[in-house]
Amino acid sequence: MKVTSLIENTSRTGLPAEHGLSLHIRLDNGRQILFDMGQGSLFAENAARLDVDLTTVDAAVLSHGHYDHGGGLRTFIGLNGKAKIYVNRHAFEPHYSLRENGLKYIGLDPELKTCSRLVYCGDETRIGNDLILFSGVKGCCLKPAGNRLLFGPTKEMNDDFCHEQNLIIQENNRTVLFAGCAHTGILNIMQRAEELAGHPLTHVFAGMHLTKSGLVEEQEKAFIRSLAGKLLEHGGCRYFTMHCTGLPQYGILKEIMGDTVSYMSCGEKVETSSFLATV
């Protein structure tokens, strides 16, 4: 499996970057999956720069209903005329972020919700024998403190992230998890993923939403250190993080987790066969 970052907050390759996420996934059998689409058209422009042909993508997945992951939905629909696009049934509900000047709408374009190629998903959707989409994650283990700034579907309600879905791909003795922002907590998501897959995870690609915690410095460091320790308890799992994890926060993870965690910037590629850890 090869994973290419089309959009991420940072770039070490010279490609333009933006606050957002888009990953292109090529399975060993040739199937292609697009996971998220950034804010607009930049993911497609970067795909062209990287010789990734989005017209041949077989399926697309939207991780949740925020603009920095689904703002490029219209662009993808225009580029690719065949792929089904899997979204959670709550993805098009209104979503808001609390900023200095008040609440800002950060949801998807509601005009697109009637597109015939959208497949609305519930708590579990299986695509063939090797792909599982899931939402409805329970558990309260180290959930991101930054969630306090996010609201929906009304301006008075803190978001419960029922619109967030995650992707499991099982291929050649590898069980790989993709999570856009892990608002429900990466550890809770991993636990549910392993229950559904029936196997331990070998790789995790995820933003972990460690930015904008609102915690004082020592509290934030303690939170991240606790998270790192619990991630290491999943022996044999290799982590690639990005986007809302934040570079300073990643630095703390790296100090503790060493070579088991890497930061994946815009334009970078990972082949899971090169990072197959053993317990």
Protein backbone atom coordinates (compact mmCIF):
# COMPACT_ATOMS: atom_id res chain seq x y z
CA MET A 1 0.00 0.00 0.00
CA LYS A 2 1.31 3.45 -0.91
CA VAL A 3 -0.03 6.57 0.81
CA THR A 4 0.65 10.01 -0.68
CA SER A 5 -0.11 13.26 1.10
CA LEU A 6 -1.80 15.64 -1.34
CA ILE A 7 -2.72 18.25 1.28
CA GLU A 8 -1.32 18.88 4.74
CA ASN A 9 -0.57 21.98 6.81
CA THR A 10 3.16 21.84 6.13
CA SER A 11 5.44 21.10 3.19
CA ARG A 12 9.02 19.87 3.07
CA THR A 13 8.89 19.01 -0.64
CA GLY A 14 8.22 22.44 -2.12
CA LEU A 15 4.56 21.74 -2.84
CA PRO A 16 2.07 24.41 -1.76
CA ALA A 17 0.30 23.52 1.48
CA GLU A 18 -2.84 24.60 3.33
CA HIS A 19 -4.58 23.89 6.62
CA GLY A 20 -6.33 20.65 5.73
CA LEU A 21 -5.89 17.05 4.76
CA SER A 22 -6.06 14.87 1.66
CA LEU A 23 -4.43 11.47 1.24
CA HIS A 24 -4.25 9.31 -1.88
CA ILE A 25 -4.10 5.57 -1.13
CA ARG A 26 -3.03 2.99 -3.70
CA LEU A 27 -3.60 -0.60 -2.65
CA ASP A 28 -1.35 -3.41 -3.79
CA ASN A 29 -4.16 -4.71 -6.03
CA GLY A 30 -4.25 -1.38 -7.86
CA ARG A 31 -7.40 0.06 -6.30
CA GLN A 32 -7.22 3.75 -5.41
CA ILE A 33 -8.92 5.59 -2.58
CA LEU A 34 -9.01 9.31 -1.89
CA PHE A 35 -9.27 10.10 1.82
CA ASP A 36 -10.41 13.70 2.31
CA MET A 37 -10.04 16.60 -0.12
CA GLY A 38 -8.64 19.65 1.68
CA GLN A 39 -10.24 23.10 1.50
CA GLY A 40 -10.69 23.49 -2.25
CA SER A 41 -8.85 22.66 -5.46
CA LEU A 42 -5.26 22.56 -4.16
CA PHE A 43 -5.40 18.80 -3.49
CA ALA A 44 -6.12 18.25 -7.19
CA GLU A 45 -3.37 20.64 -8.29
CA ASN A 46 -0.88 18.85 -6.05
CA ALA A 47 -2.08 15.48 -7.33
CA ALA A 48 -1.21 16.60 -10.87
CA ARG A 49 2.22 17.76 -9.68
CA LEU A 50 2.78 14.32 -8.14
CA ASP A 51 1.50 12.41 -11.21
CA VAL A 52 -1.51 11.11 -9.28
CA ASP A 53 -4.46 10.72 -11.68
CA LEU A 54 -7.59 11.51 -9.70
CA THR A 55 -9.83 10.52 -12.62
CA THR A 56 -8.92 6.89 -11.95
CA VAL A 57 -9.69 6.94 -8.21
CA ASP A 58 -12.15 4.12 -7.41
CA ALA A 59 -13.69 5.46 -4.19
CA ALA A 60 -13.49 8.55 -2.00
CA VAL A 61 -14.01 8.87 1.74
CA LEU A 62 -14.84 12.03 3.66
CA SER A 63 -13.71 11.71 7.28
CA HIS A 64 -16.04 14.35 8.72
CA GLY A 65 -18.07 17.42 7.90
CA HIS A 66 -15.45 20.18 8.23
CA TYR A 67 -14.38 22.45 5.37
CA ASP A 68 -10.66 21.63 5.62
CA HIS A 69 -11.41 17.99 4.82
CA GLY A 70 -14.40 18.30 2.50
CA GLY A 71 -14.05 21.72 0.92
CA GLY A 72 -12.65 20.07 -2.20
CA LEU A 73 -15.70 17.85 -2.69
CA ARG A 74 -17.04 19.89 -5.62
CA THR A 75 -13.64 19.77 -7.30
CA PHE A 76 -13.45 15.99 -6.98
CA ILE A 77 -16.98 15.48 -8.28
CA GLY A 78 -16.04 17.53 -11.35
CA LEU A 79 -12.79 15.67 -11.95
CA ASN A 80 -13.89 12.10 -11.37
CA GLY A 81 -17.15 10.90 -12.89
CA LYS A 82 -17.30 7.37 -11.49
CA ALA A 83 -16.15 7.07 -7.89
CA LYS A 84 -18.66 6.72 -5.09
CA ILE A 85 -18.06 9.16 -2.26
CA TYR A 86 -18.67 7.78 1.24
CA VAL A 87 -19.81 10.33 3.83
CA ASN A 88 -21.40 9.96 7.23
CA ARG A 89 -25.13 10.61 7.31
CA HIS A 90 -24.53 13.59 9.64
CA ALA A 91 -21.70 15.14 7.61
CA PHE A 92 -23.81 17.86 5.99
CA GLU A 93 -25.30 19.11 9.23
CA PRO A 94 -24.08 22.60 10.23
CA HIS A 95 -20.75 22.80 12.06
CA TYR A 96 -19.11 25.80 13.72
CA SER A 97 -15.83 26.82 15.29
CA LEU A 98 -15.50 29.38 18.08
CA ARG A 99 -13.08 32.11 16.98
CA GLU A 100 -12.06 35.42 18.55
CA ASN A 101 -14.90 37.19 16.75
CA GLY A 102 -17.53 34.53 17.47
CA LEU A 103 -18.78 31.36 15.81
CA LYS A 104 -17.69 30.68 12.24
CA TYR A 105 -19.38 28.18 9.92
CA ILE A 106 -16.88 25.44 9.07
CA GLY A 107 -19.24 22.90 7.50
CA LEU A 108 -19.63 21.52 3.99
CA ASP A 109 -21.36 23.09 1.00
CA PRO A 110 -25.02 22.10 1.50
CA GLU A 111 -25.66 22.33 -2.24
CA LEU A 112 -23.69 19.10 -2.72
CA LYS A 113 -25.64 16.89 -0.32
CA THR A 114 -28.02 15.66 -3.04
CA CYS A 115 -25.24 14.49 -5.37
CA SER A 116 -26.23 11.04 -6.63
CA ARG A 117 -22.73 9.63 -6.09
CA LEU A 118 -22.74 10.26 -2.35
CA VAL A 119 -23.17 7.15 -0.21
CA TYR A 120 -24.45 8.01 3.26
CA CYS A 121 -22.97 5.78 5.95
CA GLY A 122 -24.06 4.79 9.44
CA ASP A 123 -21.97 3.40 12.26
CA GLU A 124 -20.44 0.66 10.11
CA THR A 125 -20.14 0.29 6.33
CA ARG A 126 -18.16 -2.46 4.65
CA ILE A 127 -16.84 -1.92 1.14
CA GLY A 128 -15.96 -5.35 -0.11
CA ASN A 129 -13.96 -7.64 2.16
CA ASP A 130 -11.06 -5.35 2.93
CA LEU A 131 -12.43 -1.86 3.68
CA ILE A 132 -14.44 -0.88 6.75
CA LEU A 133 -15.82 2.57 7.48
CA PHE A 134 -16.98 3.20 11.04
CA SER A 135 -18.26 6.00 13.24
CA GLY A 136 -20.13 6.17 16.54
CA VAL A 137 -16.91 5.73 18.53
CA LYS A 138 -17.46 5.53 22.28
CA GLY A 139 -15.00 5.89 25.12
CA CYS A 140 -13.50 8.89 26.88
CA CYS A 141 -9.79 8.06 26.93
CA LEU A 142 -7.74 11.22 26.33
CA LYS A 143 -10.22 12.98 24.05
CA PRO A 144 -8.85 16.22 22.53
CA ALA A 145 -9.35 19.29 24.72
CA GLY A 146 -9.64 21.41 21.56
CA ASN A 147 -13.08 19.93 20.94
CA ARG A 148 -14.47 22.55 23.34
CA LEU A 149 -14.24 25.11 20.50
CA LEU A 150 -16.37 23.13 18.06
CA PHE A 151 -20.16 23.26 17.82
CA GLY A 152 -23.00 21.70 15.85
CA PRO A 153 -25.50 20.95 14.56
CA THR A 154 -26.75 24.05 16.40
CA LYS A 155 -24.70 26.99 17.62
CA GLU A 156 -25.66 26.15 21.20
CA MET A 157 -24.46 22.53 21.17
CA ASN A 158 -20.91 21.28 21.53
CA ASP A 159 -20.18 18.93 18.65
CA ASP A 160 -20.42 15.24 19.58
CA PHE A 161 -18.67 14.25 16.30
CA CYS A 162 -21.28 11.73 15.27
CA HIS A 163 -20.35 12.87 11.72
CA GLU A 164 -16.77 11.60 12.07
CA GLN A 165 -15.91 8.33 10.34
CA ASN A 166 -12.69 6.37 10.07
CA LEU A 167 -11.34 3.90 7.54
CA ILE A 168 -9.77 0.47 8.07
CA ILE A 169 -7.97 -1.24 5.19
CA GLN A 170 -6.87 -4.86 5.55
CA GLU A 171 -4.35 -6.02 3.00
CA ASN A 172 -1.51 -8.58 2.95
CA ASN A 173 -1.41 -9.14 6.73
CA ARG A 174 -1.58 -5.41 7.37
CA THR A 175 -4.41 -3.67 9.18
CA VAL A 176 -4.21 0.06 8.51
CA LEU A 177 -6.32 2.79 10.14
CA PHE A 178 -6.98 6.22 8.63
CA ALA A 179 -8.48 8.96 10.83
CA GLY A 180 -8.92 12.55 9.70
CA CYS A 181 -8.80 14.49 12.98
CA ALA A 182 -9.58 11.86 15.64
CA HIS A 183 -11.98 14.19 17.43
CA THR A 184 -13.39 11.21 19.34
CA GLY A 185 -9.88 10.38 20.59
CA ILE A 186 -7.31 8.37 18.68
CA LEU A 187 -7.10 5.69 21.39
CA ASN A 188 -10.86 5.21 21.40
CA ILE A 189 -10.85 5.01 17.59
CA MET A 190 -8.03 2.46 17.61
CA GLN A 191 -9.84 0.29 20.14
CA ARG A 192 -12.99 0.23 18.01
CA ALA A 193 -10.96 -0.40 14.86
CA GLU A 194 -9.33 -3.47 16.36
CA GLU A 195 -12.70 -4.78 17.51
CA LEU A 196 -14.10 -4.46 13.99
CA ALA A 197 -11.02 -5.76 12.19
CA GLY A 198 -10.42 -8.64 14.56
CA HIS A 199 -6.67 -7.93 14.37
CA PRO A 200 -4.20 -5.53 15.97
CA LEU A 201 -3.43 -2.44 13.91
CA THR A 202 -0.11 -2.41 12.09
CA HIS A 203 -0.25 1.21 10.86
CA VAL A 204 -2.14 4.37 11.80
CA PHE A 205 -2.38 7.48 9.62
CA ALA A 206 -4.10 10.22 11.60
CA GLY A 207 -4.37 13.78 12.67
CA MET A 208 -4.74 13.67 16.45
CA HIS A 209 -6.18 17.16 17.14
CA LEU A 210 -3.63 18.15 19.76
CA THR A 211 -3.60 21.84 18.76
CA LYS A 212 -5.68 24.56 20.44
CA SER A 213 -5.96 22.52 23.62
CA GLY A 214 -6.41 25.56 25.86
CA LEU A 215 -4.36 23.78 28.50
CA VAL A 216 -1.44 25.43 30.25
CA GLU A 217 1.93 24.26 28.93
CA GLU A 218 2.65 21.65 31.58
CA GLN A 219 -0.89 20.23 31.39
CA GLU A 220 -0.63 19.95 27.61
CA LYS A 221 2.73 18.22 27.83
CA ALA A 222 1.38 15.81 30.44
CA PHE A 223 -1.62 15.02 28.21
CA ILE A 224 0.59 14.32 25.19
CA ARG A 225 3.03 12.22 27.23
CA SER A 226 0.13 10.11 28.51
CA LEU A 227 -1.11 9.69 24.95
CA ALA A 228 2.33 8.67 23.73
CA GLY A 229 2.66 6.06 26.46
CA LYS A 230 -0.70 4.52 25.62
CA LEU A 231 0.06 4.51 21.88
CA LEU A 232 3.24 2.58 22.61
CA GLU A 233 1.17 -0.07 24.38
CA HIS A 234 -0.07 -1.09 20.91
CA GLY A 235 3.11 -3.03 20.24
CA GLY A 236 4.05 -3.41 16.60
CA CYS A 237 2.02 -0.42 15.38
CA ARG A 238 3.66 2.30 13.26
CA TYR A 239 2.20 5.83 13.37
CA PHE A 240 2.13 8.58 10.75
CA THR A 241 0.61 11.79 12.00
CA MET A 242 -0.19 15.13 10.39
CA HIS A 243 -2.49 18.17 10.15
CA CYS A 244 -4.20 18.98 13.47
CA THR A 245 -1.62 17.14 15.57
CA GLY A 246 0.63 20.21 15.37
CA LEU A 247 4.41 20.25 14.98
CA PRO A 248 5.29 21.25 18.60
CA GLN A 249 2.90 18.59 19.88
CA TYR A 250 4.37 16.04 17.47
CA GLY A 251 7.80 16.89 18.87
CA ILE A 252 6.70 15.69 22.31
CA LEU A 253 5.29 12.47 20.84
CA LYS A 254 8.55 11.93 18.96
CA GLU A 255 10.67 12.34 22.10
CA ILE A 256 8.80 9.47 23.73
CA MET A 257 7.84 7.28 20.78
CA GLY A 258 11.01 7.52 18.73
CA ASP A 259 10.98 5.72 15.40
CA THR A 260 7.45 4.41 15.90
CA VAL A 261 6.01 7.82 14.92
CA SER A 262 6.68 10.11 11.93
CA TYR A 263 5.21 13.35 10.66
CA MET A 264 3.84 13.20 7.10
CA SER A 265 3.96 16.51 5.24
CA CYS A 266 2.42 17.59 1.95
CA GLY A 267 3.90 15.69 -1.02
CA GLU A 268 5.46 12.92 1.05
CA LYS A 269 4.83 9.23 0.37
CA VAL A 270 4.80 6.17 2.59
CA GLU A 271 4.80 2.51 1.56
CA THR A 272 3.49 0.42 4.42
CA SER A 273 5.60 -2.57 3.39
CA SER A 274 8.67 -0.52 4.34
CA PHE A 275 7.33 0.04 7.85
CA LEU A 276 5.93 -3.35 8.81
CA ALA A 277 6.78 -3.69 12.47
CA THR A 278 6.75 -6.97 14.38
CA VAL A 279 5.73 -7.50 17.97
